[in-house]
Amino acid sequence: MNAPNDALAEIYSFRLINEKLGTAGQPREDQFPAIASAGYHAVVNIALPTSDNALVNEGSIVTRLGMSYFHIPVDFAAPKPEDFQTFCGLMKTLGNRRVFVHCAANMRVSAFVYLYRVLFQDTLPSEAEKDLKSIWEPNPVWTQFIQQQQCLIAK
């Protein structure tokens, strides 16, 4: 099992959040077999199709390796509550499956995963924030987005 984990560490900005969830920036085409070998059942891509290093045929690459593929394009400059709601619905549907979530640089993903863990998985904000801030300090757009989602869900 070390070989797949070593290979996963080579993926841009990879983070193992827990045994069921890994996040990263955009994997290269030759890195998807390592994701499958590591036991991930699904790949969720929240980058835009025009994001840096996006793979036009990512869905077919992933499904050829026996994993499910889901694409929720999120505009980095203007994330929408509907994007996060779609993400949450998908994550709930995937349940206990092992899921690999990526965007271009793991910034969008780190914010979505932070929110999902705090709001739906009873993770302490301080614990989830460590993973978020190991990637980046959210800019004003994303700071506001995170605060708005927390308020909407709390209602």
Foldseek 3Di string as FASTA:
>chain_A
DVVLVVLQVPAAAWDDLDLQEIEFADGALVSLLSVVVSQAQEEEEQADCPDPPRDPCVQVSNVVSRHHYHYQHADPQAGDPVSLVVVLVVDVVCPRGRYYYYYHGCQVVLLSVLLCCVLPVVDPNVSSVVSNPVRHDDDPNSVVVSVVNVVVSVD
